[in-house]
Amino acid sequence: MKKWFKKSLVILVSVLSFGIVSPSHDLWNHNHQINRIKQGNTEDYQNSTASLSSEQSDNERSMLIKKMINSAEMQSYEKFGSKIKPVIEDEFREAILPNIETAITNTIMQYPQGNLSKLAISEKPSGGASEKIFHIYDKDSMKDIIRFHVRRDHPPMEGYYFNFHYHVAFDHFQVHHQLGSIYWDKNTPPQWKV
């Protein structure tokens, strides 16, 4: 972009918004940095380009993680339904959700950068007595990468617990990776999504 056009655009945005909105300086800084490096040697330019693409890939990864965590929380509440959610919501948010965030982050960090756009999160938790909360899967192969579940446990002479855990494709979904448990009551809990 020509220098005079950039400056005119900045002034125009400032005037039209009465100075309330200022244009993003990331674009200007990025272009300025590339121009400055081009005037130097090409090795610096290549290093800068590599660091910029690394920053972009980190941003893409962190945006995907945030999106998945938000969706995971909403789907968990949908699974709990209107009868279970008010009773366990606070404890879930404090004890279980941080562990879900860690599991999602670790899984996505291990996934190859070029394939991140292929990852998706299932949209409907199961109801009734089923365990599924949500799964993260590869859209191309339709294979699950990680599965988040909640199971009702009823140890003898105790009340009911909700046991949160996940399974990963790396061990063929055989191992329960514990996220935590929340005590319900001595009475049988209602079905999911009720």
C-alpha atoms as a PDB file:
ATOM      1  CA  MET A   1       0.000   0.000   0.000  1.00  0.00           C
ATOM      2  CA  LYS A   2       1.225   3.478  -0.762  1.00  0.00           C
ATOM      3  CA  LYS A   3       2.312   5.526   2.220  1.00  0.00           C
ATOM      4  CA  TRP A   4       0.018   8.444   1.442  1.00  0.00           C
ATOM      5  CA  PHE A   5      -2.987   6.097   1.173  1.00  0.00           C
ATOM      6  CA  LYS A   6      -2.233   4.513   4.567  1.00  0.00           C
ATOM      7  CA  LYS A   7      -1.930   7.888   6.212  1.00  0.00           C
ATOM      8  CA  SER A   8      -5.119   9.118   4.539  1.00  0.00           C
ATOM      9  CA  LEU A   9      -6.977   6.014   5.693  1.00  0.00           C
ATOM     10  CA  VAL A  10      -5.823   6.495   9.291  1.00  0.00           C
ATOM     11  CA  ILE A  11      -6.867  10.155   9.251  1.00  0.00           C
ATOM     12  CA  LEU A  12     -10.225   9.316   7.643  1.00  0.00           C
ATOM     13  CA  VAL A  13     -11.080   6.659  10.230  1.00  0.00           C
ATOM     14  CA  SER A  14     -10.048   8.963  13.060  1.00  0.00           C
ATOM     15  CA  VAL A  15     -12.089  11.893  11.746  1.00  0.00           C
ATOM     16  CA  LEU A  16     -15.194   9.840  10.944  1.00  0.00           C
ATOM     17  CA  SER A  17     -15.225   8.177  14.346  1.00  0.00           C
ATOM     18  CA  PHE A  18     -14.311  11.397  16.203  1.00  0.00           C
ATOM     19  CA  GLY A  19     -11.196   9.663  17.499  1.00  0.00           C
ATOM     20  CA  ILE A  20     -13.161   6.966  19.345  1.00  0.00           C
ATOM     21  CA  VAL A  21     -12.019   4.165  17.050  1.00  0.00           C
ATOM     22  CA  SER A  22      -8.404   3.983  16.090  1.00  0.00           C
ATOM     23  CA  PRO A  23      -7.263   1.786  13.220  1.00  0.00           C
ATOM     24  CA  SER A  24      -5.452  -1.432  14.049  1.00  0.00           C
ATOM     25  CA  HIS A  25      -1.732  -0.900  14.075  1.00  0.00           C
ATOM     26  CA  ASP A  26      -0.894  -4.583  13.590  1.00  0.00           C
ATOM     27  CA  LEU A  27      -1.269  -4.252   9.822  1.00  0.00           C
ATOM     28  CA  TRP A  28       0.892  -1.143   9.699  1.00  0.00           C
ATOM     29  CA  ASN A  29       3.555  -2.611  12.008  1.00  0.00           C
ATOM     30  CA  HIS A  30       3.675  -5.871  10.041  1.00  0.00           C
ATOM     31  CA  ASN A  31       4.127  -4.077   6.708  1.00  0.00           C
ATOM     32  CA  HIS A  32       6.681  -1.674   8.177  1.00  0.00           C
ATOM     33  CA  GLN A  33       8.659  -4.566   9.631  1.00  0.00           C
ATOM     34  CA  ILE A  34       8.702  -6.429   6.305  1.00  0.00           C
ATOM     35  CA  ASN A  35       9.764  -3.306   4.386  1.00  0.00           C
ATOM     36  CA  ARG A  36      12.536  -2.619   6.873  1.00  0.00           C
ATOM     37  CA  ILE A  37      13.802  -6.189   6.655  1.00  0.00           C
ATOM     38  CA  LYS A  38      13.648  -6.213   2.852  1.00  0.00           C
ATOM     39  CA  GLN A  39      16.012  -3.248   2.883  1.00  0.00           C
ATOM     40  CA  GLY A  40      18.404  -5.302   5.043  1.00  0.00           C
ATOM     41  CA  ASN A  41      19.457  -8.802   4.104  1.00  0.00           C
ATOM     42  CA  THR A  42      17.229 -11.651   2.951  1.00  0.00           C
ATOM     43  CA  GLU A  43      18.195 -13.931   5.862  1.00  0.00           C
ATOM     44  CA  ASP A  44      16.616 -11.513   8.332  1.00  0.00           C
ATOM     45  CA  TYR A  45      13.542 -11.371   6.097  1.00  0.00           C
ATOM     46  CA  GLN A  46      13.226 -15.177   6.082  1.00  0.00           C
ATOM     47  CA  ASN A  47      13.664 -15.355   9.856  1.00  0.00           C
ATOM     48  CA  SER A  48      11.042 -12.662  10.328  1.00  0.00           C
ATOM     49  CA  THR A  49       8.611 -14.388   7.967  1.00  0.00           C
ATOM     50  CA  ALA A  50       9.105 -17.679   9.828  1.00  0.00           C
ATOM     51  CA  SER A  51       8.490 -16.000  13.178  1.00  0.00           C
ATOM     52  CA  LEU A  52       5.354 -14.283  11.822  1.00  0.00           C
ATOM     53  CA  SER A  53       3.960 -17.582  10.487  1.00  0.00           C
ATOM     54  CA  SER A  54       4.797 -19.203  13.829  1.00  0.00           C
ATOM     55  CA  GLU A  55       2.865 -16.443  15.602  1.00  0.00           C
ATOM     56  CA  GLN A  56      -0.066 -16.985  13.230  1.00  0.00           C
ATOM     57  CA  SER A  57      -0.050 -20.738  13.887  1.00  0.00           C
ATOM     58  CA  ASP A  58       0.063 -20.124  17.639  1.00  0.00           C
ATOM     59  CA  ASN A  59      -2.863 -17.707  17.294  1.00  0.00           C
ATOM     60  CA  GLU A  60      -4.818 -20.249  15.245  1.00  0.00           C
ATOM     61  CA  ARG A  61      -4.142 -22.941  17.843  1.00  0.00           C
ATOM     62  CA  SER A  62      -5.131 -20.719  20.787  1.00  0.00           C
ATOM     63  CA  MET A  63      -8.322 -19.568  19.013  1.00  0.00           C
ATOM     64  CA  LEU A  64      -9.276 -23.202  18.367  1.00  0.00           C
ATOM     65  CA  ILE A  65      -8.612 -24.090  22.005  1.00  0.00           C
ATOM     66  CA  LYS A  66     -10.815 -21.212  23.238  1.00  0.00           C
ATOM     67  CA  LYS A  67     -13.596 -22.194  20.845  1.00  0.00           C
ATOM     68  CA  MET A  68     -13.457 -25.836  21.935  1.00  0.00           C
ATOM     69  CA  ILE A  69     -13.440 -24.944  25.646  1.00  0.00           C
ATOM     70  CA  ASN A  70     -16.457 -22.640  25.277  1.00  0.00           C
ATOM     71  CA  SER A  71     -18.341 -25.300  23.360  1.00  0.00           C
ATOM     72  CA  ALA A  72     -17.341 -27.949  25.920  1.00  0.00           C
ATOM     73  CA  GLU A  73     -18.764 -25.875  28.778  1.00  0.00           C
ATOM     74  CA  MET A  74     -22.042 -25.192  26.975  1.00  0.00           C
ATOM     75  CA  GLN A  75     -22.493 -28.826  25.983  1.00  0.00           C
ATOM     76  CA  SER A  76     -21.772 -29.969  29.531  1.00  0.00           C
ATOM     77  CA  TYR A  77     -24.527 -27.708  30.852  1.00  0.00           C
ATOM     78  CA  GLU A  78     -26.870 -28.955  28.132  1.00  0.00           C
ATOM     79  CA  LYS A  79     -26.129 -32.543  29.202  1.00  0.00           C
ATOM     80  CA  PHE A  80     -26.807 -31.771  32.871  1.00  0.00           C
ATOM     81  CA  GLY A  81     -30.254 -30.456  32.067  1.00  0.00           C
ATOM     82  CA  SER A  82     -32.364 -28.190  34.259  1.00  0.00           C
ATOM     83  CA  LYS A  83     -32.463 -30.583  37.230  1.00  0.00           C
ATOM     84  CA  ILE A  84     -28.803 -31.506  37.628  1.00  0.00           C
ATOM     85  CA  LYS A  85     -27.134 -28.259  36.463  1.00  0.00           C
ATOM     86  CA  PRO A  86     -28.213 -26.015  39.378  1.00  0.00           C
ATOM     87  CA  VAL A  87     -26.955 -28.546  41.914  1.00  0.00           C
ATOM     88  CA  ILE A  88     -23.485 -29.244  40.462  1.00  0.00           C
ATOM     89  CA  GLU A  89     -22.744 -26.202  38.274  1.00  0.00           C
ATOM     90  CA  ASP A  90     -20.444 -24.375  40.715  1.00  0.00           C
ATOM     91  CA  GLU A  91     -18.443 -27.454  41.640  1.00  0.00           C
ATOM     92  CA  PHE A  92     -18.209 -28.454  37.972  1.00  0.00           C
ATOM     93  CA  ARG A  93     -16.862 -25.004  37.051  1.00  0.00           C
ATOM     94  CA  GLU A  94     -14.275 -25.073  39.860  1.00  0.00           C
ATOM     95  CA  ALA A  95     -13.123 -28.699  39.892  1.00  0.00           C
ATOM     96  CA  ILE A  96     -13.881 -30.328  36.543  1.00  0.00           C
ATOM     97  CA  LEU A  97     -13.823 -27.608  33.865  1.00  0.00           C
ATOM     98  CA  PRO A  98     -10.148 -26.652  34.423  1.00  0.00           C
ATOM     99  CA  ASN A  99      -9.221 -30.318  33.926  1.00  0.00           C
ATOM    100  CA  ILE A 100     -11.277 -30.445  30.711  1.00  0.00           C
ATOM    101  CA  GLU A 101      -9.468 -27.301  29.527  1.00  0.00           C
ATOM    102  CA  THR A 102      -6.096 -28.921  30.233  1.00  0.00           C
ATOM    103  CA  ALA A 103      -7.051 -32.124  28.389  1.00  0.00           C
ATOM    104  CA  ILE A 104      -8.310 -30.177  25.351  1.00  0.00           C
ATOM    105  CA  THR A 105      -5.224 -27.952  25.313  1.00  0.00           C
ATOM    106  CA  ASN A 106      -2.829 -30.907  25.554  1.00  0.00           C
ATOM    107  CA  THR A 107      -4.651 -32.779  22.793  1.00  0.00           C
ATOM    108  CA  ILE A 108      -4.699 -29.820  20.407  1.00  0.00           C
ATOM    109  CA  MET A 109      -1.056 -28.972  21.159  1.00  0.00           C
ATOM    110  CA  GLN A 110      -0.078 -32.510  20.073  1.00  0.00           C
ATOM    111  CA  TYR A 111      -2.108 -32.311  16.865  1.00  0.00           C
ATOM    112  CA  PRO A 112      -0.170 -31.323  13.712  1.00  0.00           C
ATOM    113  CA  GLN A 113      -0.473 -27.618  12.875  1.00  0.00           C
ATOM    114  CA  GLY A 114      -1.571 -28.158   9.291  1.00  0.00           C
ATOM    115  CA  ASN A 115      -4.482 -30.352  10.350  1.00  0.00           C
ATOM    116  CA  LEU A 116      -6.024 -28.032  12.959  1.00  0.00           C
ATOM    117  CA  SER A 117      -8.762 -26.906  10.577  1.00  0.00           C
ATOM    118  CA  LYS A 118      -9.910 -30.523  10.371  1.00  0.00           C
ATOM    119  CA  LEU A 119     -10.768 -30.680  14.090  1.00  0.00           C
ATOM    120  CA  ALA A 120     -14.383 -30.294  15.191  1.00  0.00           C
ATOM    121  CA  ILE A 121     -16.398 -30.844  18.348  1.00  0.00           C
ATOM    122  CA  SER A 122     -19.568 -32.923  18.404  1.00  0.00           C
ATOM    123  CA  GLU A 123     -22.687 -30.831  18.814  1.00  0.00           C
ATOM    124  CA  LYS A 124     -25.162 -32.898  20.797  1.00  0.00           C
ATOM    125  CA  PRO A 125     -24.507 -34.520  24.173  1.00  0.00           C
ATOM    126  CA  SER A 126     -26.427 -37.715  24.768  1.00  0.00           C
ATOM    127  CA  GLY A 127     -29.343 -37.892  27.175  1.00  0.00           C
ATOM    128  CA  GLY A 128     -30.887 -40.589  29.343  1.00  0.00           C
ATOM    129  CA  ALA A 129     -28.259 -42.678  31.113  1.00  0.00           C
ATOM    130  CA  SER A 130     -25.615 -42.461  28.359  1.00  0.00           C
ATOM    131  CA  GLU A 131     -22.110 -41.198  29.229  1.00  0.00           C
ATOM    132  CA  LYS A 132     -21.217 -39.003  26.217  1.00  0.00           C
ATOM    133  CA  ILE A 133     -20.806 -35.279  26.855  1.00  0.00           C
ATOM    134  CA  PHE A 134     -18.879 -34.390  23.663  1.00  0.00           C
ATOM    135  CA  HIS A 135     -16.159 -35.717  21.376  1.00  0.00           C
ATOM    136  CA  ILE A 136     -13.451 -33.936  19.423  1.00  0.00           C
ATOM    137  CA  TYR A 137     -12.969 -35.558  16.042  1.00  0.00           C
ATOM    138  CA  ASP A 138     -11.255 -35.223  12.669  1.00  0.00           C
ATOM    139  CA  LYS A 139     -13.790 -33.948  10.105  1.00  0.00           C
ATOM    140  CA  ASP A 140     -12.083 -35.695   7.177  1.00  0.00           C
ATOM    141  CA  SER A 141     -11.758 -39.178   8.639  1.00  0.00           C
ATOM    142  CA  MET A 142     -14.741 -38.784  11.036  1.00  0.00           C
ATOM    143  CA  LYS A 143     -12.607 -40.514  13.688  1.00  0.00           C
ATOM    144  CA  ASP A 144     -12.681 -39.376  17.293  1.00  0.00           C
ATOM    145  CA  ILE A 145      -9.516 -37.901  18.769  1.00  0.00           C
ATOM    146  CA  ILE A 146     -10.750 -37.502  22.350  1.00  0.00           C
ATOM    147  CA  ARG A 147     -14.028 -38.430  24.062  1.00  0.00           C
ATOM    148  CA  PHE A 148     -15.353 -36.717  27.203  1.00  0.00           C
ATOM    149  CA  HIS A 149     -17.805 -38.715  29.313  1.00  0.00           C
ATOM    150  CA  VAL A 150     -19.587 -38.603  32.649  1.00  0.00           C
ATOM    151  CA  ARG A 151     -20.631 -41.782  34.418  1.00  0.00           C
ATOM    152  CA  ARG A 152     -22.889 -42.308  37.416  1.00  0.00           C
ATOM    153  CA  ASP A 153     -21.118 -44.215  40.148  1.00  0.00           C
ATOM    154  CA  HIS A 154     -22.917 -45.711  43.134  1.00  0.00           C
ATOM    155  CA  PRO A 155     -20.405 -47.283  45.516  1.00  0.00           C
ATOM    156  CA  PRO A 156     -21.987 -49.641  48.095  1.00  0.00           C
ATOM    157  CA  MET A 157     -23.270 -47.848  51.208  1.00  0.00           C
ATOM    158  CA  GLU A 158     -22.605 -44.435  49.672  1.00  0.00           C
ATOM    159  CA  GLY A 159     -24.558 -41.983  47.568  1.00  0.00           C
ATOM    160  CA  TYR A 160     -24.273 -41.279  43.855  1.00  0.00           C
ATOM    161  CA  TYR A 161     -21.276 -39.621  42.226  1.00  0.00           C
ATOM    162  CA  PHE A 162     -20.799 -38.177  38.778  1.00  0.00           C
ATOM    163  CA  ASN A 163     -17.450 -39.445  37.515  1.00  0.00           C
ATOM    164  CA  PHE A 164     -16.002 -37.228  34.778  1.00  0.00           C
ATOM    165  CA  HIS A 165     -13.348 -38.795  32.564  1.00  0.00           C
ATOM    166  CA  TYR A 166     -12.062 -38.866  29.006  1.00  0.00           C
ATOM    167  CA  HIS A 167     -10.650 -41.366  26.534  1.00  0.00           C
ATOM    168  CA  VAL A 168      -8.056 -40.718  23.828  1.00  0.00           C
ATOM    169  CA  ALA A 169      -7.385 -42.330  20.456  1.00  0.00           C
ATOM    170  CA  PHE A 170      -3.694 -42.813  21.324  1.00  0.00           C
ATOM    171  CA  ASP A 171      -4.563 -45.703  23.666  1.00  0.00           C
ATOM    172  CA  HIS A 172      -7.527 -46.865  21.539  1.00  0.00           C
ATOM    173  CA  PHE A 173     -10.008 -45.387  24.071  1.00  0.00           C
ATOM    174  CA  GLN A 174      -9.214 -48.139  26.577  1.00  0.00           C
ATOM    175  CA  VAL A 175      -8.027 -46.068  29.558  1.00  0.00           C
ATOM    176  CA  HIS A 176     -10.218 -43.832  31.731  1.00  0.00           C
ATOM    177  CA  HIS A 177      -8.331 -40.572  32.232  1.00  0.00           C
ATOM    178  CA  GLN A 178      -9.898 -39.078  35.353  1.00  0.00           C
ATOM    179  CA  LEU A 179     -11.096 -35.474  35.414  1.00  0.00           C
ATOM    180  CA  GLY A 180     -12.756 -35.673  38.837  1.00  0.00           C
ATOM    181  CA  SER A 181     -15.957 -36.662  40.612  1.00  0.00           C
ATOM    182  CA  ILE A 182     -18.863 -34.694  42.028  1.00  0.00           C
ATOM    183  CA  TYR A 183     -21.093 -36.070  44.777  1.00  0.00           C
ATOM    184  CA  TRP A 184     -24.804 -35.979  43.978  1.00  0.00           C
ATOM    185  CA  ASP A 185     -26.893 -37.388  46.844  1.00  0.00           C
ATOM    186  CA  LYS A 186     -28.139 -40.654  48.347  1.00  0.00           C
ATOM    187  CA  ASN A 187     -31.161 -40.436  46.020  1.00  0.00           C
ATOM    188  CA  THR A 188     -30.944 -41.575  42.395  1.00  0.00           C
ATOM    189  CA  PRO A 189     -30.120 -38.623  40.091  1.00  0.00           C
ATOM    190  CA  PRO A 190     -32.490 -37.783  37.247  1.00  0.00           C
ATOM    191  CA  GLN A 191     -31.736 -38.716  33.644  1.00  0.00           C
ATOM    192  CA  TRP A 192     -29.388 -36.495  31.642  1.00  0.00           C
ATOM    193  CA  LYS A 193     -30.851 -33.572  29.670  1.00  0.00           C
ATOM    194  CA  VAL A 194     -34.038 -33.482  31.762  1.00  0.00           C
END
